[in-house]
Amino acid sequence: KDVSNRVMMFDQGTIVEEDTPEKIFSD
């Protein structure tokens, strides 16, 4: 959350969701 511009959530070799850390971790 502190260091990233963007977070990508992976599952089974594909991107499930990506957004800013604020968005990914809060919503």
mmCIF file of all heavy atoms, coordinates in Angstrom:
data_MODEL
# 
_entry.id   MODEL 
# 
loop_
_atom_site.group_PDB 
_atom_site.id 
_atom_site.type_symbol 
_atom_site.label_atom_id 
_atom_site.label_alt_id 
_atom_site.label_comp_id 
_atom_site.label_asym_id 
_atom_site.label_entity_id 
_atom_site.label_seq_id 
_atom_site.pdbx_PDB_ins_code 
_atom_site.Cartn_x 
_atom_site.Cartn_y 
_atom_site.Cartn_z 
_atom_site.occupancy 
_atom_site.B_iso_or_equiv 
_atom_site.pdbx_formal_charge 
_atom_site.auth_seq_id 
_atom_site.auth_comp_id 
_atom_site.auth_asym_id 
_atom_site.auth_atom_id 
_atom_site.pdbx_PDB_model_num 
ATOM 1   N N   . LYS A 1 1  ? 0.824   -1.209  0.000   1.00 0.00 ? 1  LYS A N   1 
ATOM 2   C CA  . LYS A 1 1  ? 0.000   0.000   0.000   1.00 0.00 ? 1  LYS A CA  1 
ATOM 3   C C   . LYS A 1 1  ? 0.859   1.261   0.000   1.00 0.00 ? 1  LYS A C   1 
ATOM 4   O O   . LYS A 1 1  ? 0.570   2.238   -0.695  1.00 0.00 ? 1  LYS A O   1 
ATOM 5   C CB  . LYS A 1 1  ? -0.928  -0.013  1.218   1.00 0.00 ? 1  LYS A CB  1 
ATOM 6   C CG  . LYS A 1 1  ? -1.958  1.104   1.227   1.00 0.00 ? 1  LYS A CG  1 
ATOM 7   C CD  . LYS A 1 1  ? -2.939  0.918   2.368   1.00 0.00 ? 1  LYS A CD  1 
ATOM 8   C CE  . LYS A 1 1  ? -4.020  2.002   2.329   1.00 0.00 ? 1  LYS A CE  1 
ATOM 9   N NZ  . LYS A 1 1  ? -5.002  1.832   3.432   1.00 0.00 ? 1  LYS A NZ  1 
ATOM 10  N N   . ASP A 1 2  ? 1.968   1.222   0.766   1.00 0.00 ? 2  ASP A N   1 
ATOM 11  C CA  . ASP A 1 2  ? 2.824   2.409   0.897   1.00 0.00 ? 2  ASP A CA  1 
ATOM 12  C C   . ASP A 1 2  ? 3.636   2.703   -0.349  1.00 0.00 ? 2  ASP A C   1 
ATOM 13  O O   . ASP A 1 2  ? 3.845   3.859   -0.721  1.00 0.00 ? 2  ASP A O   1 
ATOM 14  C CB  . ASP A 1 2  ? 3.803   2.227   2.069   1.00 0.00 ? 2  ASP A CB  1 
ATOM 15  C CG  . ASP A 1 2  ? 3.114   2.353   3.410   1.00 0.00 ? 2  ASP A CG  1 
ATOM 16  O OD1 . ASP A 1 2  ? 1.929   2.750   3.434   1.00 0.00 ? 2  ASP A OD1 1 
ATOM 17  O OD2 . ASP A 1 2  ? 3.757   2.054   4.429   1.00 0.00 ? 2  ASP A OD2 1 
ATOM 18  N N   . VAL A 1 3  ? 4.145   1.658   -0.990  1.00 0.00 ? 3  VAL A N   1 
ATOM 19  C CA  . VAL A 1 3  ? 5.176   1.854   -2.009  1.00 0.00 ? 3  VAL A CA  1 
ATOM 20  C C   . VAL A 1 3  ? 4.653   1.766   -3.446  1.00 0.00 ? 3  VAL A C   1 
ATOM 21  O O   . VAL A 1 3  ? 5.304   2.230   -4.368  1.00 0.00 ? 3  VAL A O   1 
ATOM 22  C CB  . VAL A 1 3  ? 6.317   0.827   -1.787  1.00 0.00 ? 3  VAL A CB  1 
ATOM 23  C CG1 . VAL A 1 3  ? 5.993   -0.519  -2.422  1.00 0.00 ? 3  VAL A CG1 1 
ATOM 24  C CG2 . VAL A 1 3  ? 7.637   1.355   -2.298  1.00 0.00 ? 3  VAL A CG2 1 
ATOM 25  N N   . SER A 1 4  ? 3.466   1.208   -3.646  1.00 0.00 ? 4  SER A N   1 
ATOM 26  C CA  . SER A 1 4  ? 2.995   0.928   -5.006  1.00 0.00 ? 4  SER A CA  1 
ATOM 27  C C   . SER A 1 4  ? 2.221   2.080   -5.620  1.00 0.00 ? 4  SER A C   1 
ATOM 28  O O   . SER A 1 4  ? 1.522   2.818   -4.927  1.00 0.00 ? 4  SER A O   1 
ATOM 29  C CB  . SER A 1 4  ? 2.080   -0.308  -5.008  1.00 0.00 ? 4  SER A CB  1 
ATOM 30  O OG  . SER A 1 4  ? 2.672   -1.386  -4.346  1.00 0.00 ? 4  SER A OG  1 
ATOM 31  N N   . ASN A 1 5  ? 2.334   2.204   -6.936  1.00 0.00 ? 5  ASN A N   1 
ATOM 32  C CA  . ASN A 1 5  ? 1.421   3.042   -7.710  1.00 0.00 ? 5  ASN A CA  1 
ATOM 33  C C   . ASN A 1 5  ? 0.185   2.249   -8.135  1.00 0.00 ? 5  ASN A C   1 
ATOM 34  O O   . ASN A 1 5  ? -0.880  2.812   -8.346  1.00 0.00 ? 5  ASN A O   1 
ATOM 35  C CB  . ASN A 1 5  ? 2.092   3.573   -8.974  1.00 0.00 ? 5  ASN A CB  1 
ATOM 36  C CG  . ASN A 1 5  ? 3.391   4.294   -8.690  1.00 0.00 ? 5  ASN A CG  1 
ATOM 37  O OD1 . ASN A 1 5  ? 4.443   3.875   -9.123  1.00 0.00 ? 5  ASN A OD1 1 
ATOM 38  N ND2 . ASN A 1 5  ? 3.315   5.389   -7.935  1.00 0.00 ? 5  ASN A ND2 1 
ATOM 39  N N   . ARG A 1 6  ? 0.406   0.932   -8.278  1.00 0.00 ? 6  ARG A N   1 
ATOM 40  C CA  . ARG A 1 6  ? -0.679  0.073   -8.778  1.00 0.00 ? 6  ARG A CA  1 
ATOM 41  C C   . ARG A 1 6  ? -0.521  -1.318  -8.185  1.00 0.00 ? 6  ARG A C   1 
ATOM 42  O O   . ARG A 1 6  ? 0.595   -1.782  -7.940  1.00 0.00 ? 6  ARG A O   1 
ATOM 43  C CB  . ARG A 1 6  ? -0.593  -0.002  -10.309 1.00 0.00 ? 6  ARG A CB  1 
ATOM 44  C CG  . ARG A 1 6  ? -1.665  -0.833  -10.982 1.00 0.00 ? 6  ARG A CG  1 
ATOM 45  C CD  . ARG A 1 6  ? -1.815  -0.485  -12.470 1.00 0.00 ? 6  ARG A CD  1 
ATOM 46  N NE  . ARG A 1 6  ? -0.553  -0.405  -13.165 1.00 0.00 ? 6  ARG A NE  1 
ATOM 47  C CZ  . ARG A 1 6  ? -0.185  -1.233  -14.165 1.00 0.00 ? 6  ARG A CZ  1 
ATOM 48  N NH1 . ARG A 1 6  ? -0.984  -2.205  -14.533 1.00 0.00 ? 6  ARG A NH1 1 
ATOM 49  N NH2 . ARG A 1 6  ? 0.975   -1.076  -14.774 1.00 0.00 ? 6  ARG A NH2 1 
ATOM 50  N N   . VAL A 1 7  ? -1.641  -1.942  -7.915  1.00 0.00 ? 7  VAL A N   1 
ATOM 51  C CA  . VAL A 1 7  ? -1.654  -3.315  -7.390  1.00 0.00 ? 7  VAL A CA  1 
ATOM 52  C C   . VAL A 1 7  ? -2.444  -4.187  -8.353  1.00 0.00 ? 7  VAL A C   1 
ATOM 53  O O   . VAL A 1 7  ? -3.530  -3.796  -8.809  1.00 0.00 ? 7  VAL A O   1 
ATOM 54  C CB  . VAL A 1 7  ? -2.285  -3.367  -5.977  1.00 0.00 ? 7  VAL A CB  1 
ATOM 55  C CG1 . VAL A 1 7  ? -2.416  -4.810  -5.495  1.00 0.00 ? 7  VAL A CG1 1 
ATOM 56  C CG2 . VAL A 1 7  ? -1.452  -2.548  -4.990  1.00 0.00 ? 7  VAL A CG2 1 
ATOM 57  N N   . MET A 1 8  ? -1.884  -5.359  -8.667  1.00 0.00 ? 8  MET A N   1 
ATOM 58  C CA  . MET A 1 8  ? -2.575  -6.319  -9.529  1.00 0.00 ? 8  MET A CA  1 
ATOM 59  C C   . MET A 1 8  ? -2.827  -7.596  -8.736  1.00 0.00 ? 8  MET A C   1 
ATOM 60  O O   . MET A 1 8  ? -1.907  -8.179  -8.177  1.00 0.00 ? 8  MET A O   1 
ATOM 61  C CB  . MET A 1 8  ? -1.745  -6.629  -10.784 1.00 0.00 ? 8  MET A CB  1 
ATOM 62  C CG  . MET A 1 8  ? -1.537  -5.431  -11.674 1.00 0.00 ? 8  MET A CG  1 
ATOM 63  S SD  . MET A 1 8  ? -0.985  -5.825  -13.371 1.00 0.00 ? 8  MET A SD  1 
ATOM 64  C CE  . MET A 1 8  ? 0.663   -6.430  -13.056 1.00 0.00 ? 8  MET A CE  1 
ATOM 65  N N   . MET A 1 9  ? -4.076  -8.002  -8.695  1.00 0.00 ? 9  MET A N   1 
ATOM 66  C CA  . MET A 1 9  ? -4.477  -9.231  -8.016  1.00 0.00 ? 9  MET A CA  1 
ATOM 67  C C   . MET A 1 9  ? -4.477  -10.374 -9.026  1.00 0.00 ? 9  MET A C   1 
ATOM 68  O O   . MET A 1 9  ? -5.140  -10.296 -10.071 1.00 0.00 ? 9  MET A O   1 
ATOM 69  C CB  . MET A 1 9  ? -5.877  -9.051  -7.404  1.00 0.00 ? 9  MET A CB  1 
ATOM 70  C CG  . MET A 1 9  ? -6.532  -10.320 -6.921  1.00 0.00 ? 9  MET A CG  1 
ATOM 71  S SD  . MET A 1 9  ? -5.737  -11.041 -5.455  1.00 0.00 ? 9  MET A SD  1 
ATOM 72  C CE  . MET A 1 9  ? -6.583  -12.656 -5.418  1.00 0.00 ? 9  MET A CE  1 
ATOM 73  N N   . PHE A 1 10 ? -3.710  -11.426 -8.714  1.00 0.00 ? 10 PHE A N   1 
ATOM 74  C CA  . PHE A 1 10 ? -3.595  -12.583 -9.601  1.00 0.00 ? 10 PHE A CA  1 
ATOM 75  C C   . PHE A 1 10 ? -4.294  -13.792 -9.000  1.00 0.00 ? 10 PHE A C   1 
ATOM 76  O O   . PHE A 1 10 ? -4.287  -13.995 -7.791  1.00 0.00 ? 10 PHE A O   1 
ATOM 77  C CB  . PHE A 1 10 ? -2.114  -12.946 -9.809  1.00 0.00 ? 10 PHE A CB  1 
ATOM 78  C CG  . PHE A 1 10 ? -1.467  -12.196 -10.917 1.00 0.00 ? 10 PHE A CG  1 
ATOM 79  C CD1 . PHE A 1 10 ? -1.026  -10.907 -10.713 1.00 0.00 ? 10 PHE A CD1 1 
ATOM 80  C CD2 . PHE A 1 10 ? -1.309  -12.756 -12.170 1.00 0.00 ? 10 PHE A CD2 1 
ATOM 81  C CE1 . PHE A 1 10 ? -0.429  -10.191 -11.731 1.00 0.00 ? 10 PHE A CE1 1 
ATOM 82  C CE2 . PHE A 1 10 ? -0.720  -12.054 -13.197 1.00 0.00 ? 10 PHE A CE2 1 
ATOM 83  C CZ  . PHE A 1 10 ? -0.275  -10.762 -12.982 1.00 0.00 ? 10 PHE A CZ  1 
ATOM 84  N N   . ASP A 1 11 ? -4.844  -14.603 -9.868  1.00 0.00 ? 11 ASP A N   1 
ATOM 85  C CA  . ASP A 1 11 ? -5.332  -15.917 -9.477  1.00 0.00 ? 11 ASP A CA  1 
ATOM 86  C C   . ASP A 1 11 ? -5.326  -16.805 -10.715 1.00 0.00 ? 11 ASP A C   1 
ATOM 87  O O   . ASP A 1 11 ? -5.786  -16.396 -11.788 1.00 0.00 ? 11 ASP A O   1 
ATOM 88  C CB  . ASP A 1 11 ? -6.736  -15.829 -8.880  1.00 0.00 ? 11 ASP A CB  1 
ATOM 89  C CG  . ASP A 1 11 ? -7.133  -17.109 -8.153  1.00 0.00 ? 11 ASP A CG  1 
ATOM 90  O OD1 . ASP A 1 11 ? -6.231  -17.804 -7.643  1.00 0.00 ? 11 ASP A OD1 1 
ATOM 91  O OD2 . ASP A 1 11 ? -8.335  -17.425 -8.097  1.00 0.00 ? 11 ASP A OD2 1 
ATOM 92  N N   . GLN A 1 12 ? -4.741  -17.977 -10.569 1.00 0.00 ? 12 GLN A N   1 
ATOM 93  C CA  . GLN A 1 12 ? -4.691  -18.970 -11.649 1.00 0.00 ? 12 GLN A CA  1 
ATOM 94  C C   . GLN A 1 12 ? -4.139  -18.383 -12.951 1.00 0.00 ? 12 GLN A C   1 
ATOM 95  O O   . GLN A 1 12 ? -4.661  -18.644 -14.038 1.00 0.00 ? 12 GLN A O   1 
ATOM 96  C CB  . GLN A 1 12 ? -6.088  -19.583 -11.876 1.00 0.00 ? 12 GLN A CB  1 
ATOM 97  C CG  . GLN A 1 12 ? -6.598  -20.306 -10.634 1.00 0.00 ? 12 GLN A CG  1 
ATOM 98  C CD  . GLN A 1 12 ? -7.956  -20.952 -10.843 1.00 0.00 ? 12 GLN A CD  1 
ATOM 99  O OE1 . GLN A 1 12 ? -8.708  -20.565 -11.726 1.00 0.00 ? 12 GLN A OE1 1 
ATOM 100 N NE2 . GLN A 1 12 ? -8.270  -21.931 -10.032 1.00 0.00 ? 12 GLN A NE2 1 
ATOM 101 N N   . GLY A 1 13 ? -3.064  -17.601 -12.821 1.00 0.00 ? 13 GLY A N   1 
ATOM 102 C CA  . GLY A 1 13 ? -2.348  -17.130 -13.997 1.00 0.00 ? 13 GLY A CA  1 
ATOM 103 C C   . GLY A 1 13 ? -2.981  -15.989 -14.754 1.00 0.00 ? 13 GLY A C   1 
ATOM 104 O O   . GLY A 1 13 ? -2.522  -15.637 -15.842 1.00 0.00 ? 13 GLY A O   1 
ATOM 105 N N   . THR A 1 14 ? -4.013  -15.384 -14.185 1.00 0.00 ? 14 THR A N   1 
ATOM 106 C CA  . THR A 1 14 ? -4.659  -14.247 -14.853 1.00 0.00 ? 14 THR A CA  1 
ATOM 107 C C   . THR A 1 14 ? -4.836  -13.100 -13.858 1.00 0.00 ? 14 THR A C   1 
ATOM 108 O O   . THR A 1 14 ? -4.836  -13.312 -12.635 1.00 0.00 ? 14 THR A O   1 
ATOM 109 C CB  . THR A 1 14 ? -6.047  -14.627 -15.418 1.00 0.00 ? 14 THR A CB  1 
ATOM 110 O OG1 . THR A 1 14 ? -6.887  -15.060 -14.348 1.00 0.00 ? 14 THR A OG1 1 
ATOM 111 C CG2 . THR A 1 14 ? -5.942  -15.754 -16.443 1.00 0.00 ? 14 THR A CG2 1 
ATOM 112 N N   . ILE A 1 15 ? -4.991  -11.891 -14.389 1.00 0.00 ? 15 ILE A N   1 
ATOM 113 C CA  . ILE A 1 15 ? -5.235  -10.724 -13.543 1.00 0.00 ? 15 ILE A CA  1 
ATOM 114 C C   . ILE A 1 15 ? -6.724  -10.657 -13.227 1.00 0.00 ? 15 ILE A C   1 
ATOM 115 O O   . ILE A 1 15 ? -7.561  -10.529 -14.127 1.00 0.00 ? 15 ILE A O   1 
ATOM 116 C CB  . ILE A 1 15 ? -4.787  -9.433  -14.251 1.00 0.00 ? 15 ILE A CB  1 
ATOM 117 C CG1 . ILE A 1 15 ? -3.295  -9.486  -14.565 1.00 0.00 ? 15 ILE A CG1 1 
ATOM 118 C CG2 . ILE A 1 15 ? -5.103  -8.211  -13.378 1.00 0.00 ? 15 ILE A CG2 1 
ATOM 119 C CD1 . ILE A 1 15 ? -2.813  -8.353  -15.451 1.00 0.00 ? 15 ILE A CD1 1 
ATOM 120 N N   . VAL A 1 16 ? -7.043  -10.762 -11.953 1.00 0.00 ? 16 VAL A N   1 
ATOM 121 C CA  . VAL A 1 16 ? -8.438  -10.707 -11.510 1.00 0.00 ? 16 VAL A CA  1 
ATOM 122 C C   . VAL A 1 16 ? -8.912  -9.257  -11.437 1.00 0.00 ? 16 VAL A C   1 
ATOM 123 O O   . VAL A 1 16 ? -10.045 -8.930  -11.817 1.00 0.00 ? 16 VAL A O   1 
ATOM 124 C CB  . VAL A 1 16 ? -8.587  -11.380 -10.132 1.00 0.00 ? 16 VAL A CB  1 
ATOM 125 C CG1 . VAL A 1 16 ? -10.004 -11.217 -9.587  1.00 0.00 ? 16 VAL A CG1 1 
ATOM 126 C CG2 . VAL A 1 16 ? -8.199  -12.846 -10.214 1.00 0.00 ? 16 VAL A CG2 1 
ATOM 127 N N   . GLU A 1 17 ? -8.004  -8.379  -10.948 1.00 0.00 ? 17 GLU A N   1 
ATOM 128 C CA  . GLU A 1 17 ? -8.376  -6.982  -10.709 1.00 0.00 ? 17 GLU A CA  1 
ATOM 129 C C   . GLU A 1 17 ? -7.099  -6.172  -10.575 1.00 0.00 ? 17 GLU A C   1 
ATOM 130 O O   . GLU A 1 17 ? -6.087  -6.660  -10.075 1.00 0.00 ? 17 GLU A O   1 
ATOM 131 C CB  . GLU A 1 17 ? -9.193  -6.899  -9.412  1.00 0.00 ? 17 GLU A CB  1 
ATOM 132 C CG  . GLU A 1 17 ? -9.703  -5.526  -9.045  1.00 0.00 ? 17 GLU A CG  1 
ATOM 133 C CD  . GLU A 1 17 ? -10.638 -5.547  -7.835  1.00 0.00 ? 17 GLU A CD  1 
ATOM 134 O OE1 . GLU A 1 17 ? -10.895 -6.641  -7.277  1.00 0.00 ? 17 GLU A OE1 1 
ATOM 135 O OE2 . GLU A 1 17 ? -11.094 -4.461  -7.457  1.00 0.00 ? 17 GLU A OE2 1 
ATOM 136 N N   . GLU A 1 18 ? -7.116  -4.922  -11.029 1.00 0.00 ? 18 GLU A N   1 
ATOM 137 C CA  . GLU A 1 18 ? -5.968  -4.028  -10.825 1.00 0.00 ? 18 GLU A CA  1 
ATOM 138 C C   . GLU A 1 18 ? -6.466  -2.607  -10.634 1.00 0.00 ? 18 GLU A C   1 
ATOM 139 O O   . GLU A 1 18 ? -7.444  -2.183  -11.247 1.00 0.00 ? 18 GLU A O   1 
ATOM 140 C CB  . GLU A 1 18 ? -4.990  -4.112  -12.003 1.00 0.00 ? 18 GLU A CB  1 
ATOM 141 C CG  . GLU A 1 18 ? -5.561  -3.711  -13.339 1.00 0.00 ? 18 GLU A CG  1 
ATOM 142 C CD  . GLU A 1 18 ? -4.507  -3.766  -14.436 1.00 0.00 ? 18 GLU A CD  1 
ATOM 143 O OE1 . GLU A 1 18 ? -3.420  -3.183  -14.258 1.00 0.00 ? 18 GLU A OE1 1 
ATOM 144 O OE2 . GLU A 1 18 ? -4.762  -4.389  -15.471 1.00 0.00 ? 18 GLU A OE2 1 
ATOM 145 N N   . ASP A 1 19 ? -5.788  -1.883  -9.749  1.00 0.00 ? 19 ASP A N   1 
ATOM 146 C CA  . ASP A 1 19 ? -6.170  -0.494  -9.478  1.00 0.00 ? 19 ASP A CA  1 
ATOM 147 C C   . ASP A 1 19 ? -5.111  0.118   -8.563  1.00 0.00 ? 19 ASP A C   1 
ATOM 148 O O   . ASP A 1 19 ? -4.099  -0.506  -8.262  1.00 0.00 ? 19 ASP A O   1 
ATOM 149 C CB  . ASP A 1 19 ? -7.559  -0.437  -8.823  1.00 0.00 ? 19 ASP A CB  1 
ATOM 150 C CG  . ASP A 1 19 ? -8.343  0.810   -9.252  1.00 0.00 ? 19 ASP A CG  1 
ATOM 151 O OD1 . ASP A 1 19 ? -7.723  1.905   -9.278  1.00 0.00 ? 19 ASP A OD1 1 
ATOM 152 O OD2 . ASP A 1 19 ? -9.533  0.692   -9.549  1.00 0.00 ? 19 ASP A OD2 1 
ATOM 153 N N   . THR A 1 20 ? -5.360  1.330   -8.121  1.00 0.00 ? 20 THR A N   1 
ATOM 154 C CA  . THR A 1 20 ? -4.464  1.960   -7.151  1.00 0.00 ? 20 THR A CA  1 
ATOM 155 C C   . THR A 1 20 ? -4.529  1.166   -5.849  1.00 0.00 ? 20 THR A C   1 
ATOM 156 O O   . THR A 1 20 ? -5.542  0.502   -5.549  1.00 0.00 ? 20 THR A O   1 
ATOM 157 C CB  . THR A 1 20 ? -4.892  3.403   -6.870  1.00 0.00 ? 20 THR A CB  1 
ATOM 158 O OG1 . THR A 1 20 ? -6.208  3.387   -6.276  1.00 0.00 ? 20 THR A OG1 1 
ATOM 159 C CG2 . THR A 1 20 ? -4.915  4.237   -8.147  1.00 0.00 ? 20 THR A CG2 1 
ATOM 160 N N   . PRO A 1 21 ? -3.474  1.225   -5.029  1.00 0.00 ? 21 PRO A N   1 
ATOM 161 C CA  . PRO A 1 21 ? -3.529  0.502   -3.754  1.00 0.00 ? 21 PRO A CA  1 
ATOM 162 C C   . PRO A 1 21 ? -4.670  0.990   -2.868  1.00 0.00 ? 21 PRO A C   1 
ATOM 163 O O   . PRO A 1 21 ? -5.297  0.185   -2.161  1.00 0.00 ? 21 PRO A O   1 
ATOM 164 C CB  . PRO A 1 21 ? -2.160  0.777   -3.112  1.00 0.00 ? 21 PRO A CB  1 
ATOM 165 C CG  . PRO A 1 21 ? -1.538  1.869   -3.900  1.00 0.00 ? 21 PRO A CG  1 
ATOM 166 C CD  . PRO A 1 21 ? -2.154  1.846   -5.253  1.00 0.00 ? 21 PRO A CD  1 
ATOM 167 N N   . GLU A 1 22 ? -4.956  2.288   -2.916  1.00 0.00 ? 22 GLU A N   1 
ATOM 168 C CA  . GLU A 1 22 ? -6.068  2.809   -2.107  1.00 0.00 ? 22 GLU A CA  1 
ATOM 169 C C   . GLU A 1 22 ? -7.381  2.115   -2.475  1.00 0.00 ? 22 GLU A C   1 
ATOM 170 O O   . GLU A 1 22 ? -8.151  1.717   -1.599  1.00 0.00 ? 22 GLU A O   1 
ATOM 171 C CB  . GLU A 1 22 ? -6.199  4.322   -2.312  1.00 0.00 ? 22 GLU A CB  1 
ATOM 172 C CG  . GLU A 1 22 ? -5.041  5.147   -1.781  1.00 0.00 ? 22 GLU A CG  1 
ATOM 173 C CD  . GLU A 1 22 ? -3.813  5.125   -2.693  1.00 0.00 ? 22 GLU A CD  1 
ATOM 174 O OE1 . GLU A 1 22 ? -3.949  4.711   -3.872  1.00 0.00 ? 22 GLU A OE1 1 
ATOM 175 O OE2 . GLU A 1 22 ? -2.724  5.520   -2.233  1.00 0.00 ? 22 GLU A OE2 1 
ATOM 176 N N   . LYS A 1 23 ? -7.593  1.974   -3.771  1.00 0.00 ? 23 LYS A N   1 
ATOM 177 C CA  . LYS A 1 23 ? -8.839  1.358   -4.246  1.00 0.00 ? 23 LYS A CA  1 
ATOM 178 C C   . LYS A 1 23 ? -8.867  -0.140  -3.954  1.00 0.00 ? 23 LYS A C   1 
ATOM 179 O O   . LYS A 1 23 ? -9.879  -0.674  -3.468  1.00 0.00 ? 23 LYS A O   1 
ATOM 180 C CB  . LYS A 1 23 ? -8.974  1.604   -5.753  1.00 0.00 ? 23 LYS A CB  1 
ATOM 181 C CG  . LYS A 1 23 ? -10.278 1.109   -6.365  1.00 0.00 ? 23 LYS A CG  1 
ATOM 182 C CD  . LYS A 1 23 ? -11.446 1.983   -6.002  1.00 0.00 ? 23 LYS A CD  1 
ATOM 183 C CE  . LYS A 1 23 ? -12.693 1.545   -6.776  1.00 0.00 ? 23 LYS A CE  1 
ATOM 184 N NZ  . LYS A 1 23 ? -13.896 2.275   -6.326  1.00 0.00 ? 23 LYS A NZ  1 
ATOM 185 N N   . ILE A 1 24 ? -7.754  -0.819  -4.240  1.00 0.00 ? 24 ILE A N   1 
ATOM 186 C CA  . ILE A 1 24 ? -7.716  -2.273  -4.046  1.00 0.00 ? 24 ILE A CA  1 
ATOM 187 C C   . ILE A 1 24 ? -7.912  -2.634  -2.578  1.00 0.00 ? 24 ILE A C   1 
ATOM 188 O O   . ILE A 1 24 ? -8.661  -3.560  -2.237  1.00 0.00 ? 24 ILE A O   1 
ATOM 189 C CB  . ILE A 1 24 ? -6.381  -2.858  -4.558  1.00 0.00 ? 24 ILE A CB  1 
ATOM 190 C CG1 . ILE A 1 24 ? -6.318  -2.825  -6.093  1.00 0.00 ? 24 ILE A CG1 1 
ATOM 191 C CG2 . ILE A 1 24 ? -6.170  -4.289  -4.034  1.00 0.00 ? 24 ILE A CG2 1 
ATOM 192 C CD1 . ILE A 1 24 ? -7.212  -3.814  -6.802  1.00 0.00 ? 24 ILE A CD1 1 
ATOM 193 N N   . PHE A 1 25 ? -7.234  -1.897  -1.685  1.00 0.00 ? 25 PHE A N   1 
ATOM 194 C CA  . PHE A 1 25 ? -7.271  -2.287  -0.276  1.00 0.00 ? 25 PHE A CA  1 
ATOM 195 C C   . PHE A 1 25 ? -8.500  -1.764  0.468   1.00 0.00 ? 25 PHE A C   1 
ATOM 196 O O   . PHE A 1 25 ? -8.879  -2.329  1.484   1.00 0.00 ? 25 PHE A O   1 
ATOM 197 C CB  . PHE A 1 25 ? -5.989  -1.844  0.427   1.00 0.00 ? 25 PHE A CB  1 
ATOM 198 C CG  . PHE A 1 25 ? -4.771  -2.606  -0.026  1.00 0.00 ? 25 PHE A CG  1 
ATOM 199 C CD1 . PHE A 1 25 ? -3.726  -1.967  -0.655  1.00 0.00 ? 25 PHE A CD1 1 
ATOM 200 C CD2 . PHE A 1 25 ? -4.698  -3.981  0.150   1.00 0.00 ? 25 PHE A CD2 1 
ATOM 201 C CE1 . PHE A 1 25 ? -2.601  -2.661  -1.087  1.00 0.00 ? 25 PHE A CE1 1 
ATOM 202 C CE2 . PHE A 1 25 ? -3.587  -4.706  -0.275  1.00 0.00 ? 25 PHE A CE2 1 
ATOM 203 C CZ  . PHE A 1 25 ? -2.539  -4.041  -0.896  1.00 0.00 ? 25 PHE A CZ  1 
ATOM 204 N N   . SER A 1 26 ? -9.108  -0.701  -0.030  1.00 0.00 ? 26 SER A N   1 
ATOM 205 C CA  . SER A 1 26 ? -10.270 -0.164  0.687   1.00 0.00 ? 26 SER A CA  1 
ATOM 206 C C   . SER A 1 26 ? -11.598 -0.537  0.028   1.00 0.00 ? 26 SER A C   1 
ATOM 207 O O   . SER A 1 26 ? -12.621 -0.607  0.701   1.00 0.00 ? 26 SER A O   1 
ATOM 208 C CB  . SER A 1 26 ? -10.178 1.362   0.795   1.00 0.00 ? 26 SER A CB  1 
ATOM 209 O OG  . SER A 1 26 ? -10.245 1.959   -0.485  1.00 0.00 ? 26 SER A OG  1 
ATOM 210 N N   . ASP A 1 27 ? -11.558 -0.793  -1.281  1.00 0.00 ? 27 ASP A N   1 
ATOM 211 C CA  . ASP A 1 27 ? -12.827 -1.063  -1.969  1.00 0.00 ? 27 ASP A CA  1 
ATOM 212 C C   . ASP A 1 27 ? -12.630 -2.018  -3.144  1.00 0.00 ? 27 ASP A C   1 
ATOM 213 O O   . ASP A 1 27 ? -12.909 -1.689  -4.297  1.00 0.00 ? 27 ASP A O   1 
ATOM 214 C CB  . ASP A 1 27 ? -13.415 0.269   -2.476  1.00 0.00 ? 27 ASP A CB  1 
ATOM 215 C CG  . ASP A 1 27 ? -14.814 0.109   -3.037  1.00 0.00 ? 27 ASP A CG  1 
ATOM 216 O OD1 . ASP A 1 27 ? -15.516 -0.848  -2.643  1.00 0.00 ? 27 ASP A OD1 1 
ATOM 217 O OD2 . ASP A 1 27 ? -15.204 0.934   -3.894  1.00 0.00 ? 27 ASP A OD2 1 
# 
